Protein backbone atom coordinates (compact mmCIF):
# COMPACT_ATOMS: atom_id res chain seq x y z
CA MET A 1 49.69 -109.17 5.41
CA MET A 2 48.23 -106.84 7.12
CA ASN A 3 50.78 -104.33 8.84
CA PRO A 4 49.97 -104.40 12.58
CA PRO A 5 47.93 -101.10 15.05
CA PRO A 6 50.63 -98.35 15.19
CA ALA A 7 51.72 -98.74 19.05
CA ARG A 8 49.11 -96.35 21.59
CA GLN A 9 51.49 -93.19 22.60
CA GLN A 10 51.24 -91.85 26.04
CA ASN A 11 49.86 -88.61 26.28
CA PRO A 12 51.96 -85.90 25.92
CA PRO A 13 52.94 -84.36 29.51
CA HIS A 14 51.60 -81.32 30.15
CA PRO A 15 53.26 -77.67 29.32
CA GLU A 16 53.88 -77.20 32.92
CA SER A 17 56.12 -80.06 32.65
CA MET A 18 57.94 -79.53 30.19
CA ASN A 19 59.33 -75.86 31.25
CA PRO A 20 59.05 -75.53 35.01
CA ALA A 21 59.18 -71.46 34.94
CA LEU A 22 56.98 -70.97 33.15
CA PRO A 23 53.83 -69.38 36.49
CA ASN A 24 51.90 -71.44 38.52
CA THR A 25 48.75 -68.31 37.68
CA LEU A 26 48.68 -70.23 33.69
CA SER A 27 47.50 -73.97 35.44
CA ARG A 28 45.46 -71.68 37.58
CA ALA A 29 43.87 -69.55 35.21
CA ARG A 30 42.96 -73.07 32.27
CA PRO A 31 39.73 -73.68 33.81
CA ARG A 32 38.80 -69.67 33.58
CA VAL A 33 39.87 -70.49 29.99
CA ARG A 34 38.19 -73.69 28.38
CA VAL A 35 34.59 -71.94 30.72
CA ALA A 36 35.58 -68.76 28.21
CA ALA A 37 36.44 -70.54 25.51
CA PHE A 38 32.76 -73.46 25.83
CA ALA A 39 31.00 -70.38 26.30
CA ILE A 40 32.47 -68.45 22.92
CA LEU A 41 32.12 -72.34 20.62
CA ALA A 42 28.29 -71.90 22.82
CA LEU A 43 27.81 -68.85 21.79
CA GLN A 44 28.72 -69.04 17.80
CA LEU A 45 26.51 -72.08 18.11
CA TRP A 46 23.53 -70.25 19.29
CA ALA A 47 23.93 -67.80 16.67
CA SER A 48 24.90 -70.14 13.54
CA VAL A 49 21.65 -71.84 14.25
CA THR A 50 19.50 -68.25 15.31
CA PHE A 51 21.06 -67.31 11.41
CA ALA A 52 20.38 -70.31 9.54
CA GLN A 53 16.13 -70.62 11.20
CA VAL A 54 15.42 -66.92 9.87
CA ILE A 55 15.91 -67.76 6.47
CA LYS A 56 14.32 -71.48 5.32
CA SER A 57 13.72 -70.45 1.46
CA VAL A 58 13.44 -67.98 -1.90
CA GLU A 59 9.69 -69.52 -2.53
CA THR A 60 8.86 -67.39 -6.16
CA ILE A 61 9.14 -63.94 -7.38
CA GLY A 62 6.59 -61.87 -8.59
CA MET A 63 5.94 -58.91 -10.57
CA THR A 64 3.35 -56.10 -11.28
CA VAL A 65 1.64 -56.58 -14.27
CA SER A 66 -0.78 -54.07 -16.17
CA ASN A 67 -2.55 -56.88 -18.28
CA ILE A 68 -2.82 -60.12 -16.68
CA ASN A 69 -4.20 -62.65 -20.04
CA ARG A 70 -1.53 -60.37 -22.27
CA ALA A 71 1.22 -61.70 -19.38
CA THR A 72 0.12 -65.17 -18.73
CA GLU A 73 0.04 -65.82 -22.26
CA PHE A 74 3.45 -63.94 -23.44
CA PHE A 75 5.05 -66.55 -20.18
CA SER A 76 3.31 -69.86 -21.75
CA ASN A 77 3.96 -69.12 -25.42
CA VAL A 78 6.90 -67.55 -25.72
CA LEU A 79 8.99 -68.73 -22.62
CA HIS A 80 7.61 -71.78 -22.17
CA PHE A 81 5.93 -71.56 -18.54
CA ASP A 82 3.08 -73.69 -17.47
CA LYS A 83 0.17 -71.81 -15.73
CA ILE A 84 -0.50 -73.73 -12.60
CA SER A 85 -2.90 -70.77 -10.19
CA ASP A 86 -5.07 -68.61 -11.09
CA PHE A 87 -6.42 -66.71 -8.38
CA GLU A 88 -8.86 -63.09 -7.82
CA VAL A 89 -8.90 -61.36 -3.81
CA TYR A 90 -9.79 -58.69 -2.41
CA GLY A 91 -10.64 -57.78 1.75
CA ALA A 92 -8.76 -56.75 4.64
CA ALA A 93 -6.16 -58.95 5.06
CA TYR A 94 -4.65 -57.97 1.58
CA GLU A 95 -4.89 -55.16 1.57
CA LYS A 96 -3.31 -55.45 5.33
CA LEU A 97 -0.27 -57.88 3.30
CA GLN A 98 0.35 -55.63 0.23
CA GLY A 99 -0.48 -52.03 2.23
CA LEU A 100 -2.61 -51.05 -0.07
CA PHE A 101 -6.15 -50.15 0.40
CA GLY A 102 -9.13 -50.81 -1.75
CA LEU A 103 -7.02 -53.63 -3.79
CA ARG A 104 -9.28 -56.06 -5.79
CA MET A 105 -6.54 -58.24 -7.44
CA ARG A 106 -5.79 -61.69 -9.75
CA GLY A 107 -2.79 -63.47 -9.26
CA VAL A 108 -1.96 -66.41 -11.38
CA ARG A 109 1.40 -68.57 -11.28
CA MET A 110 3.61 -70.09 -13.82
CA ARG A 111 5.98 -73.29 -13.19
CA LEU A 112 8.86 -73.32 -15.07
CA GLY A 113 11.04 -76.31 -14.31
CA GLU A 114 11.60 -76.22 -10.19
CA GLU A 115 10.55 -72.49 -9.71
CA THR A 116 7.74 -70.45 -10.20
CA VAL A 117 6.81 -66.76 -11.16
CA GLU A 118 3.86 -65.05 -9.34
CA LEU A 119 2.19 -62.23 -11.73
CA THR A 120 -0.23 -59.74 -10.09
CA GLN A 121 -1.99 -57.00 -11.41
CA TYR A 122 -3.95 -54.83 -9.36
CA LEU A 123 -7.63 -54.39 -10.93
CA ALA A 124 -7.89 -51.36 -8.35
CA PRO A 125 -6.13 -48.97 -7.52
CA GLU A 126 -4.38 -49.74 -11.04
CA GLY A 127 -0.58 -47.98 -10.41
CA ARG A 128 1.54 -46.01 -12.50
CA PRO A 129 3.67 -48.42 -15.81
CA ILE A 130 7.41 -48.53 -16.23
CA PRO A 131 8.80 -45.18 -17.67
CA ALA A 132 10.00 -45.40 -20.82
CA ASP A 133 14.13 -44.25 -20.03
CA TRP A 134 14.70 -46.44 -17.34
CA ARG A 135 17.94 -48.22 -17.73
CA THR A 136 19.56 -51.28 -16.54
CA ASN A 137 22.02 -49.20 -13.74
CA ASP A 138 18.97 -47.89 -12.10
CA ARG A 139 18.61 -49.01 -8.56
CA VAL A 140 15.08 -50.28 -8.94
CA PHE A 141 16.30 -52.75 -12.00
CA GLN A 142 15.42 -55.82 -10.94
CA HIS A 143 15.15 -59.05 -13.43
CA ILE A 144 14.86 -63.10 -13.18
CA ALA A 145 17.52 -65.20 -15.15
CA ILE A 146 15.82 -67.51 -17.05
CA VAL A 147 17.99 -71.17 -18.03
CA VAL A 148 18.38 -72.23 -21.61
CA SER A 149 20.17 -75.14 -23.04
CA ASP A 150 20.94 -74.18 -26.49
CA MET A 151 21.47 -69.84 -26.39
CA ASP A 152 21.15 -69.31 -30.40
CA LYS A 153 18.52 -71.59 -30.14
CA ALA A 154 16.41 -69.38 -27.38
CA TYR A 155 17.56 -67.07 -29.30
CA GLN A 156 15.81 -67.17 -32.45
CA HIS A 157 13.02 -68.66 -30.38
CA LEU A 158 12.29 -64.97 -29.36
CA ARG A 159 12.89 -62.90 -32.47
CA ALA A 160 10.31 -65.38 -34.20
CA HIS A 161 8.05 -63.71 -31.15
CA ASP A 162 9.11 -59.94 -31.71
CA VAL A 163 10.16 -60.00 -27.84
CA ARG A 164 11.98 -56.53 -27.34
CA HIS A 165 15.77 -56.27 -27.09
CA ALA A 166 17.22 -55.03 -24.05
CA SER A 167 20.70 -56.20 -24.74
CA THR A 168 22.89 -55.76 -28.50
CA ALA A 169 22.57 -59.34 -29.06
CA PRO A 170 23.47 -62.72 -26.35
CA GLN A 171 27.07 -61.78 -24.88
CA VAL A 172 30.03 -64.59 -23.99
CA ILE A 173 31.49 -63.80 -20.43
CA PRO A 174 35.34 -63.62 -22.16
CA ALA A 175 37.58 -66.45 -20.06
CA THR A 176 39.68 -63.17 -18.77
CA ASN A 177 36.36 -63.53 -15.73
CA LYS A 178 37.28 -67.20 -14.28
CA ALA A 179 34.19 -67.09 -12.38
CA ALA A 180 31.88 -66.71 -14.91
CA ALA A 181 33.83 -67.63 -18.59
CA GLY A 182 31.62 -68.86 -20.98
CA ILE A 183 28.38 -68.91 -19.42
CA ARG A 184 25.93 -66.81 -22.42
CA ALA A 185 23.40 -63.99 -21.21
CA PHE A 186 20.81 -61.89 -23.07
CA TYR A 187 18.19 -59.62 -21.72
CA PHE A 188 14.56 -58.61 -23.28
CA LYS A 189 11.87 -57.01 -22.30
CA ASP A 190 7.89 -58.60 -21.64
CA PRO A 191 5.07 -56.53 -22.78
CA ASP A 192 5.11 -54.09 -19.51
CA GLY A 193 8.86 -53.58 -20.00
CA HIS A 194 10.26 -55.88 -17.25
CA TYR A 195 13.85 -56.55 -17.93
CA LEU A 196 14.24 -60.64 -18.34
CA GLU A 197 17.55 -62.47 -19.23
CA LEU A 198 18.12 -65.69 -20.93
CA ILE A 199 22.11 -67.46 -19.66
CA TYR A 200 23.63 -70.96 -21.06
CA PHE A 201 26.12 -72.50 -18.33
CA PRO A 202 28.73 -74.07 -20.00
CA PRO A 203 29.63 -77.71 -18.54
CA ASP A 204 31.80 -76.60 -15.73
CA LYS A 205 29.08 -73.18 -14.72
CA GLY A 206 25.74 -73.24 -12.87
CA ASP A 207 24.43 -75.33 -10.73
CA PRO A 208 24.94 -79.17 -11.62
CA ARG A 209 21.33 -79.71 -12.84
CA TRP A 210 21.62 -77.38 -15.57
CA GLN A 211 24.04 -79.56 -16.97
CA GLN A 212 21.53 -82.52 -17.39
CA LYS A 213 20.10 -83.53 -20.91
CA SER A 214 17.02 -82.23 -21.70
CA ASP A 215 14.85 -82.08 -24.21
CA ARG A 216 13.66 -78.77 -24.05
CA LEU A 217 14.66 -75.08 -24.25
CA PHE A 218 14.03 -73.10 -21.22
CA LEU A 219 14.89 -75.27 -18.33
CA GLY A 220 14.14 -72.74 -15.13
CA ILE A 221 15.31 -69.88 -12.97
CA ASP A 222 18.13 -69.61 -11.96
CA HIS A 223 17.92 -66.72 -9.92
CA THR A 224 16.58 -63.39 -9.66
CA ALA A 225 19.24 -60.44 -10.12
CA MET A 226 18.67 -56.36 -8.93
CA VAL A 227 21.04 -53.22 -9.22
CA VAL A 228 21.98 -52.33 -5.60
CA SER A 229 23.88 -48.75 -4.19
CA SER A 230 26.23 -51.41 -2.68
CA THR A 231 27.34 -54.37 -2.00
CA GLU A 232 28.16 -54.30 1.42
CA ASN A 233 24.99 -52.56 3.10
CA SER A 234 22.94 -55.28 0.86
CA LEU A 235 25.15 -58.43 1.96
CA GLY A 236 24.72 -56.83 5.98
CA PHE A 237 20.61 -56.96 4.64
CA TYR A 238 20.56 -60.57 3.09
CA ARG A 239 23.32 -62.24 4.72
CA ASP A 240 23.97 -61.01 7.96
CA LEU A 241 20.38 -60.40 9.13
CA LEU A 242 18.27 -62.86 6.64
CA GLY A 243 20.26 -65.26 6.84
CA MET A 244 21.51 -66.22 3.57
CA ARG A 245 24.51 -67.37 2.46
CA LEU A 246 27.42 -65.38 -0.11
CA ALA A 247 27.74 -68.07 -2.76
CA GLY A 248 30.20 -66.33 -5.52
CA GLN A 249 31.59 -63.14 -6.87
CA SER A 250 32.87 -61.72 -9.71
CA MET A 251 33.84 -58.32 -11.84
CA ASN A 252 32.70 -58.37 -15.17
CA TYR A 253 33.57 -55.52 -17.48
CA GLY A 254 34.66 -55.26 -21.16
CA THR A 255 32.62 -55.12 -24.35
CA GLU A 256 30.30 -58.02 -23.34
CA GLN A 257 29.48 -56.82 -20.49
CA GLU A 258 28.56 -52.92 -21.80
CA HIS A 259 26.47 -54.46 -24.28
CA LEU A 260 24.36 -57.19 -22.48
CA ASN A 261 23.73 -54.11 -19.90
CA ASN A 262 23.28 -51.62 -23.16
CA ILE A 263 25.45 -49.70 -20.55
CA ALA A 264 29.28 -47.93 -22.22
CA GLY A 265 31.44 -48.40 -20.20
CA ALA A 266 29.54 -50.73 -17.42
CA ARG A 267 31.95 -52.27 -14.66
CA LEU A 268 30.30 -54.39 -12.35
CA ARG A 269 30.42 -56.17 -8.89
CA ILE A 270 28.49 -59.02 -8.92
CA SER A 271 27.74 -61.08 -6.10
CA GLY A 272 25.48 -64.34 -5.74
CA LEU A 273 23.23 -65.50 -2.83
CA ARG A 274 21.60 -68.46 -1.88
CA ALA A 275 19.32 -69.84 0.61
CA THR A 276 18.53 -73.13 1.30
CA SER A 277 16.64 -73.98 -1.47
CA GLY A 278 14.57 -72.23 -4.71
CA PRO A 279 16.56 -69.60 -6.68
CA GLY A 280 19.63 -67.49 -6.14
CA ILE A 281 18.90 -63.50 -5.44
CA GLU A 282 21.77 -61.61 -7.04
CA PHE A 283 23.42 -57.97 -6.43
CA LEU A 284 24.68 -56.07 -9.58
CA GLU A 285 26.52 -52.72 -8.43
CA TYR A 286 27.57 -50.81 -10.71
CA LEU A 287 31.36 -49.53 -9.83
CA SER A 288 31.18 -47.55 -13.06
CA PRO A 289 29.24 -45.75 -14.82
CA ARG A 290 27.28 -44.64 -10.85
CA ASN A 291 24.52 -42.41 -12.93
CA GLY A 292 21.76 -44.89 -11.85
CA ARG A 293 19.09 -43.43 -9.91
CA PRO A 294 17.54 -44.65 -6.61
CA ALA A 295 13.96 -46.48 -6.75
CA PRO A 296 11.22 -43.80 -6.39
CA LYS A 297 10.45 -44.01 -3.01
CA ASP A 298 6.77 -43.57 -3.23
CA THR A 299 6.52 -46.88 -4.90
CA ARG A 300 3.65 -49.30 -3.78
CA ALA A 301 2.90 -52.82 -4.86
CA ASN A 302 0.85 -51.90 -7.73
CA ASP A 303 3.18 -49.81 -10.02
CA ILE A 304 4.16 -51.83 -12.54
CA TRP A 305 8.17 -51.56 -11.99
CA HIS A 306 6.97 -53.49 -8.77
CA TRP A 307 9.13 -56.95 -8.26
CA GLN A 308 8.27 -58.72 -4.97
CA THR A 309 10.79 -61.80 -4.34
CA THR A 310 8.69 -64.10 -1.47
CA ILE A 311 11.09 -65.31 1.04
CA SER A 312 10.03 -68.51 3.33
CA THR A 313 10.82 -68.08 7.27
CA THR A 314 9.90 -69.46 10.50
CA ASN A 315 8.52 -67.65 12.47
CA ALA A 316 6.93 -64.07 10.61
CA GLU A 317 6.14 -62.42 13.38
CA LYS A 318 9.96 -62.46 14.48
CA THR A 319 10.98 -61.61 11.57
CA PHE A 320 8.57 -58.55 11.14
CA ARG A 321 10.36 -57.26 14.00
CA LYS A 322 14.02 -58.12 13.16
CA LEU A 323 13.28 -56.14 9.75
CA SER A 324 11.38 -53.58 11.52
CA ARG A 325 14.34 -52.67 13.56
CA GLY A 326 16.83 -53.43 10.23
CA SER A 327 18.19 -51.79 7.31
CA GLY A 328 15.32 -52.21 5.46
CA ARG A 329 12.08 -50.60 4.94
CA VAL A 330 8.16 -52.81 5.98
CA VAL A 331 5.87 -51.66 3.97
CA SER A 332 2.60 -54.06 5.82
CA PRO A 333 1.17 -52.37 8.74
CA GLY A 334 1.96 -55.53 10.51
CA VAL A 335 1.94 -59.41 9.53
CA ALA A 336 -1.35 -60.31 7.41
CA THR A 337 -3.24 -63.85 7.88
CA PRO A 338 -4.31 -64.22 4.01
CA ALA A 339 -6.22 -67.44 3.06
CA LYS A 340 -3.70 -70.36 2.68
CA THR A 341 -5.02 -71.76 -0.43
CA ASP A 342 -5.15 -68.38 -2.83
CA PHE A 343 -0.66 -67.65 -2.03
CA GLY A 344 0.56 -71.07 -0.42
CA PHE A 345 0.89 -69.46 3.49
CA THR A 346 -0.45 -68.68 6.07
CA LYS A 347 0.92 -65.21 7.75
CA GLY A 348 2.66 -62.55 5.28
CA PHE A 349 4.09 -59.42 5.51
CA LEU A 350 6.06 -57.35 2.31
CA ALA A 351 8.89 -55.45 3.20
CA ARG A 352 11.88 -53.54 0.95
CA ASP A 353 15.17 -53.68 1.14
CA PRO A 354 17.80 -51.26 1.81
CA ASP A 355 17.56 -50.02 -2.16
CA GLY A 356 13.97 -50.29 -2.25
CA HIS A 357 13.29 -53.39 -3.67
CA GLY A 358 10.16 -55.43 -2.29
CA LEU A 359 10.47 -59.14 -0.30
CA GLN A 360 6.97 -61.29 0.58
CA ILE A 361 7.99 -62.53 3.92
CA VAL A 362 5.76 -65.44 4.74
CA GLU A 363 4.77 -68.53 7.27
CA LYS A 364 3.58 -71.32 5.73
């Protein structure tokens, strides 16, 4: 038998009627309080909409290479990426886009799962190689985290292809780090010396799609990680200015972290950010040792250590003006309009975050 509906309650008495001692000014002030409250709510709603509209997605992660045929072969044969496009461009629009005069560049896009990387070789002018003494706590450091279904098999696969180590061996984040416990990771290098990471997520960690059964060894790209000098400054740029959301944080230290980064005494504050779609962006702030070197201020897009994370925005011109006033640095002299068939967008520009990491902001 169904229970009868509850008796309808009368409206509660007005506060003034319950306490006649309350001053009459309260009743006179109430409309103004309500108007103020509605105004604040409207401002918050407007701010949230504006905030969300700055960045739509992380599109792709790119790196400059010295030999694109060799780089393509490495990502294809060793890491099982699929080649999806190959193009060569030059001209004023591309010089404006990259802030580099007289360029001629060849680009190759490679896909793994749902994510893509963009490899770029500057046929002219050629840039500088990655210095051999750069370390994982230098602020020029950036990598992509490639998700694997089996870390032991993936590591042996890299060994069979004589891939260069950056970590001592694959490491397991200990149970004392609850936010990342059980995650396995390994740093290695591509033929140019770019750092890359293999990452394995246990059943209770990471995006649910990494837990789906697959016969593939390499699954996709979870995030790109970069060393930052200050988490607060980077959050001010990526979250408060660009509109990405903070997805999680952890404090990583101990012998496992030291051997993963190959830095004695490594203690890191790690923060993960996400846009609506696409790979995440991860901050690595070294609390110790704090002897990491800043990125060269004269870094250009054709230097082999240059990475650029392509982010889609709703209005490139507006975002250009916003970043020109922000804490980053705009590299392009203005918003460029390359042929969409080459890059997949109609407008774009190159900028750098507070630590010098490259960002290509685009409008489709």
